[in-house]
């Protein structure tokens, strides 16, 4: 569970940084930051699900 919290915290800070550097007005920056955050979490969960079923 702690790994997921680290993932959420890291995704949050990366999304804030990307949103701050994204060009556009404030509304576009917030929307872009939310998209980055959602994509980061979603892709990470899909990758974790795929790796779970891979035989090592």
PDB file of N, CA and C in Angstrom:
ATOM      1  N   UNK A   1       0.824  -1.199   0.000  1.00  0.00           N
ATOM      2  CA  UNK A   1       0.000   0.000   0.000  1.00  0.00           C
ATOM      3  C   UNK A   1       0.866   1.260   0.000  1.00  0.00           C
ATOM      4  N   UNK A   2       2.014   1.200   0.685  1.00  0.00           N
ATOM      5  CA  UNK A   2       2.874   2.375   0.751  1.00  0.00           C
ATOM      6  C   UNK A   2       3.431   2.724  -0.625  1.00  0.00           C
ATOM      7  N   UNK A   3       3.626   1.704  -1.472  1.00  0.00           N
ATOM      8  CA  UNK A   3       4.119   1.977  -2.820  1.00  0.00           C
ATOM      9  C   UNK A   3       3.099   2.799  -3.618  1.00  0.00           C
ATOM     10  N   UNK A   4       1.841   2.497  -3.423  1.00  0.00           N
ATOM     11  CA  UNK A   4       0.799   3.249  -4.130  1.00  0.00           C
ATOM     12  C   UNK A   4       0.763   4.702  -3.661  1.00  0.00           C
ATOM     13  N   UNK A   5       0.957   4.923  -2.375  1.00  0.00           N
ATOM     14  CA  UNK A   5       0.983   6.296  -1.868  1.00  0.00           C
ATOM     15  C   UNK A   5       2.179   7.062  -2.418  1.00  0.00           C
ATOM     16  N   UNK A   6       3.325   6.383  -2.522  1.00  0.00           N
ATOM     17  CA  UNK A   6       4.491   7.014  -3.140  1.00  0.00           C
ATOM     18  C   UNK A   6       4.212   7.346  -4.603  1.00  0.00           C
ATOM     19  N   UNK A   7       3.537   6.450  -5.291  1.00  0.00           N
ATOM     20  CA  UNK A   7       3.180   6.683  -6.692  1.00  0.00           C
ATOM     21  C   UNK A   7       2.267   7.898  -6.816  1.00  0.00           C
ATOM     22  N   UNK A   8       1.271   7.994  -5.969  1.00  0.00           N
ATOM     23  CA  UNK A   8       0.336   9.125  -6.015  1.00  0.00           C
ATOM     24  C   UNK A   8       1.067  10.435  -5.706  1.00  0.00           C
ATOM     25  N   UNK A   9       1.938  10.418  -4.707  1.00  0.00           N
ATOM     26  CA  UNK A   9       2.680  11.635  -4.367  1.00  0.00           C
ATOM     27  C   UNK A   9       3.604  12.050  -5.510  1.00  0.00           C
ATOM     28  N   UNK A  10       4.320  11.092  -6.086  1.00  0.00           N
ATOM     29  CA  UNK A  10       5.219  11.399  -7.197  1.00  0.00           C
ATOM     30  C   UNK A  10       4.433  11.914  -8.399  1.00  0.00           C
ATOM     31  N   UNK A  11       3.319  11.264  -8.710  1.00  0.00           N
ATOM     32  CA  UNK A  11       2.492  11.697  -9.834  1.00  0.00           C
ATOM     33  C   UNK A  11       1.953  13.106  -9.595  1.00  0.00           C
ATOM     34  N   UNK A  12       1.596  13.406  -8.363  1.00  0.00           N
ATOM     35  CA  UNK A  12       1.092  14.740  -8.040  1.00  0.00           C
ATOM     36  C   UNK A  12       2.149  15.806  -8.300  1.00  0.00           C
ATOM     37  N   UNK A  13       3.365  15.572  -7.804  1.00  0.00           N
ATOM     38  CA  UNK A  13       4.418  16.568  -7.973  1.00  0.00           C
ATOM     39  C   UNK A  13       4.849  16.713  -9.431  1.00  0.00           C
ATOM     40  N   UNK A  14       4.882  15.614 -10.159  1.00  0.00           N
ATOM     41  CA  UNK A  14       5.213  15.685 -11.583  1.00  0.00           C
ATOM     42  C   UNK A  14       4.115  16.434 -12.335  1.00  0.00           C
ATOM     43  N   UNK A  15       2.865  16.166 -12.009  1.00  0.00           N
ATOM     44  CA  UNK A  15       1.752  16.849 -12.675  1.00  0.00           C
ATOM     45  C   UNK A  15       1.762  18.342 -12.372  1.00  0.00           C
ATOM     46  N   UNK A  16       2.089  18.708 -11.147  1.00  0.00           N
ATOM     47  CA  UNK A  16       2.179  20.131 -10.803  1.00  0.00           C
ATOM     48  C   UNK A  16       3.301  20.795 -11.595  1.00  0.00           C
ATOM     49  N   UNK A  17       4.445  20.128 -11.689  1.00  0.00           N
ATOM     50  CA  UNK A  17       5.563  20.695 -12.446  1.00  0.00           C
ATOM     51  C   UNK A  17       5.221  20.815 -13.926  1.00  0.00           C
ATOM     52  N   UNK A  18       4.652  19.770 -14.509  1.00  0.00           N
ATOM     53  CA  UNK A  18       4.284  19.820 -15.924  1.00  0.00           C
ATOM     54  C   UNK A  18       3.218  20.886 -16.169  1.00  0.00           C
ATOM     55  N   UNK A  19       2.270  20.998 -15.273  1.00  0.00           N
ATOM     56  CA  UNK A  19       1.241  22.018 -15.418  1.00  0.00           C
ATOM     57  C   UNK A  19       1.811  23.425 -15.315  1.00  0.00           C
ATOM     58  N   UNK A  20       2.821  23.600 -14.473  1.00  0.00           N
ATOM     59  CA  UNK A  20       3.431  24.922 -14.319  1.00  0.00           C
ATOM     60  C   UNK A  20       4.209  25.324 -15.564  1.00  0.00           C
ATOM     61  N   UNK A  21       4.829  24.354 -16.224  1.00  0.00           N
ATOM     62  CA  UNK A  21       5.641  24.664 -17.402  1.00  0.00           C
ATOM     63  C   UNK A  21       4.847  24.644 -18.700  1.00  0.00           C
ATOM     64  N   UNK A  22       3.607  24.188 -18.646  1.00  0.00           N
ATOM     65  CA  UNK A  22       2.773  24.127 -19.837  1.00  0.00           C
ATOM     66  C   UNK A  22       2.314  25.527 -20.205  1.00  0.00           C
ATOM     67  N   UNK A  23       2.382  25.850 -21.484  1.00  0.00           N
ATOM     68  CA  UNK A  23       1.942  27.169 -21.932  1.00  0.00           C
ATOM     69  C   UNK A  23       0.427  27.254 -21.974  1.00  0.00           C
ATOM     70  N   UNK A  24      -0.079  28.442 -21.795  1.00  0.00           N
ATOM     71  CA  UNK A  24      -1.520  28.640 -21.832  1.00  0.00           C
ATOM     72  C   UNK A  24      -1.987  29.396 -20.603  1.00  0.00           C
ATOM     73  N   UNK A  25      -3.288  29.560 -20.512  1.00  0.00           N
ATOM     74  CA  UNK A  25      -3.824  30.269 -19.354  1.00  0.00           C
ATOM     75  C   UNK A  25      -3.949  29.315 -18.166  1.00  0.00           C
ATOM     76  N   UNK A  26      -4.412  29.840 -17.051  1.00  0.00           N
ATOM     77  CA  UNK A  26      -4.461  29.048 -15.818  1.00  0.00           C
ATOM     78  C   UNK A  26      -5.394  27.848 -15.932  1.00  0.00           C
ATOM     79  N   UNK A  27      -6.530  28.029 -16.589  1.00  0.00           N
ATOM     80  CA  UNK A  27      -7.490  26.931 -16.719  1.00  0.00           C
ATOM     81  C   UNK A  27      -6.886  25.787 -17.526  1.00  0.00           C
ATOM     82  N   UNK A  28      -6.195  26.104 -18.618  1.00  0.00           N
ATOM     83  CA  UNK A  28      -5.562  25.071 -19.438  1.00  0.00           C
ATOM     84  C   UNK A  28      -4.460  24.353 -18.671  1.00  0.00           C
ATOM     85  N   UNK A  29      -3.728  25.088 -17.849  1.00  0.00           N
ATOM     86  CA  UNK A  29      -2.665  24.481 -17.041  1.00  0.00           C
ATOM     87  C   UNK A  29      -3.238  23.489 -16.033  1.00  0.00           C
ATOM     88  N   UNK A  30      -4.329  23.865 -15.389  1.00  0.00           N
ATOM     89  CA  UNK A  30      -4.953  22.970 -14.406  1.00  0.00           C
ATOM     90  C   UNK A  30      -5.476  21.713 -15.094  1.00  0.00           C
ATOM     91  N   UNK A  31      -6.135  21.886 -16.220  1.00  0.00           N
ATOM     92  CA  UNK A  31      -6.665  20.730 -16.952  1.00  0.00           C
ATOM     93  C   UNK A  31      -5.530  19.825 -17.404  1.00  0.00           C
ATOM     94  N   UNK A  32      -4.444  20.422 -17.906  1.00  0.00           N
ATOM     95  CA  UNK A  32      -3.298  19.627 -18.342  1.00  0.00           C
ATOM     96  C   UNK A  32      -2.681  18.877 -17.159  1.00  0.00           C
ATOM     97  N   UNK A  33      -2.546  19.536 -16.011  1.00  0.00           N
ATOM     98  CA  UNK A  33      -2.006  18.884 -14.822  1.00  0.00           C
ATOM     99  C   UNK A  33      -2.872  17.721 -14.363  1.00  0.00           C
ATOM    100  N   UNK A  34      -4.186  17.893 -14.413  1.00  0.00           N
ATOM    101  CA  UNK A  34      -5.089  16.803 -14.036  1.00  0.00           C
ATOM    102  C   UNK A  34      -4.997  15.636 -15.014  1.00  0.00           C
ATOM    103  N   UNK A  35      -4.857  15.947 -16.303  1.00  0.00           N
ATOM    104  CA  UNK A  35      -4.701  14.887 -17.304  1.00  0.00           C
ATOM    105  C   UNK A  35      -3.416  14.103 -17.070  1.00  0.00           C
ATOM    106  N   UNK A  36      -2.333  14.818 -16.814  1.00  0.00           N
ATOM    107  CA  UNK A  36      -1.050  14.152 -16.570  1.00  0.00           C
ATOM    108  C   UNK A  36      -1.149  13.267 -15.332  1.00  0.00           C
ATOM    109  N   UNK A  37      -1.769  13.772 -14.280  1.00  0.00           N
ATOM    110  CA  UNK A  37      -1.922  12.990 -13.056  1.00  0.00           C
ATOM    111  C   UNK A  37      -2.736  11.725 -13.310  1.00  0.00           C
ATOM    112  N   UNK A  38      -3.862  11.866 -13.990  1.00  0.00           N
ATOM    113  CA  UNK A  38      -4.717  10.706 -14.271  1.00  0.00           C
ATOM    114  C   UNK A  38      -4.010   9.701 -15.171  1.00  0.00           C
ATOM    115  N   UNK A  39      -3.293  10.178 -16.175  1.00  0.00           N
ATOM    116  CA  UNK A  39      -2.568   9.270 -17.058  1.00  0.00           C
ATOM    117  C   UNK A  39      -1.453   8.558 -16.314  1.00  0.00           C
ATOM    118  N   UNK A  40      -0.756   9.264 -15.450  1.00  0.00           N
ATOM    119  CA  UNK A  40       0.332   8.663 -14.681  1.00  0.00           C
ATOM    120  C   UNK A  40      -0.202   7.527 -13.815  1.00  0.00           C
ATOM    121  N   UNK A  41      -1.279   7.768 -13.090  1.00  0.00           N
ATOM    122  CA  UNK A  41      -1.858   6.746 -12.222  1.00  0.00           C
ATOM    123  C   UNK A  41      -2.434   5.603 -13.055  1.00  0.00           C
ATOM    124  N   UNK A  42      -3.182   5.929 -14.099  1.00  0.00           N
ATOM    125  CA  UNK A  42      -3.811   4.897 -14.925  1.00  0.00           C
ATOM    126  C   UNK A  42      -2.804   3.987 -15.601  1.00  0.00           C
ATOM    127  N   UNK A  43      -1.795   4.567 -16.222  1.00  0.00           N
ATOM    128  CA  UNK A  43      -0.787   3.753 -16.905  1.00  0.00           C
ATOM    129  C   UNK A  43      -0.005   2.916 -15.909  1.00  0.00           C
ATOM    130  N   UNK A  44       0.294   3.468 -14.747  1.00  0.00           N
ATOM    131  CA  UNK A  44       1.016   2.703 -13.727  1.00  0.00           C
ATOM    132  C   UNK A  44       0.204   1.511 -13.233  1.00  0.00           C
ATOM    133  N   UNK A  45      -1.095   1.692 -13.042  1.00  0.00           N
ATOM    134  CA  UNK A  45      -1.934   0.582 -12.595  1.00  0.00           C
ATOM    135  C   UNK A  45      -2.062  -0.492 -13.669  1.00  0.00           C
ATOM    136  N   UNK A  46      -2.173  -0.079 -14.925  1.00  0.00           N
ATOM    137  CA  UNK A  46      -2.238  -1.058 -16.020  1.00  0.00           C
ATOM    138  C   UNK A  46      -0.926  -1.828 -16.114  1.00  0.00           C
ATOM    139  N   UNK A  47       0.193  -1.130 -16.004  1.00  0.00           N
ATOM    140  CA  UNK A  47       1.488  -1.814 -16.062  1.00  0.00           C
ATOM    141  C   UNK A  47       1.655  -2.781 -14.889  1.00  0.00           C
ATOM    142  N   UNK A  48       1.219  -2.385 -13.705  1.00  0.00           N
ATOM    143  CA  UNK A  48       1.308  -3.273 -12.547  1.00  0.00           C
ATOM    144  C   UNK A  48       0.450  -4.512 -12.749  1.00  0.00           C
ATOM    145  N   UNK A  49      -0.727  -4.335 -13.327  1.00  0.00           N
ATOM    146  CA  UNK A  49      -1.612  -5.473 -13.584  1.00  0.00           C
ATOM    147  C   UNK A  49      -0.988  -6.418 -14.600  1.00  0.00           C
ATOM    148  N   UNK A  50      -0.362  -5.884 -15.640  1.00  0.00           N
ATOM    149  CA  UNK A  50       0.290  -6.719 -16.655  1.00  0.00           C
ATOM    150  C   UNK A  50       1.485  -7.449 -16.050  1.00  0.00           C
ATOM    151  N   UNK A  51       2.306  -6.745 -15.288  1.00  0.00           N
ATOM    152  CA  UNK A  51       3.484  -7.370 -14.685  1.00  0.00           C
ATOM    153  C   UNK A  51       3.102  -8.445 -13.672  1.00  0.00           C
ATOM    154  N   UNK A  52       1.941  -8.316 -13.055  1.00  0.00           N
ATOM    155  CA  UNK A  52       1.501  -9.312 -12.084  1.00  0.00           C
ATOM    156  C   UNK A  52       1.359 -10.686 -12.726  1.00  0.00           C
ATOM    157  N   UNK A  53       0.924 -10.720 -13.980  1.00  0.00           N
ATOM    158  CA  UNK A  53       0.678 -11.988 -14.647  1.00  0.00           C
ATOM    159  C   UNK A  53       1.878 -12.504 -15.432  1.00  0.00           C
ATOM    160  N   UNK A  54       2.952 -11.755 -15.497  1.00  0.00           N
ATOM    161  CA  UNK A  54       4.143 -12.235 -16.200  1.00  0.00           C
ATOM    162  C   UNK A  54       4.905 -13.216 -15.316  1.00  0.00           C
ATOM    163  N   UNK A  55       5.265 -14.353 -15.857  1.00  0.00           N
ATOM    164  CA  UNK A  55       6.051 -15.297 -15.050  1.00  0.00           C
ATOM    165  C   UNK A  55       7.507 -14.846 -14.977  1.00  0.00           C
ATOM    166  N   UNK A  56       8.051 -14.813 -13.798  1.00  0.00           N
ATOM    167  CA  UNK A  56       9.450 -14.424 -13.640  1.00  0.00           C
ATOM    168  C   UNK A  56      10.257 -15.621 -13.351  1.00  0.00           C
TER     169      UNK A  56
END
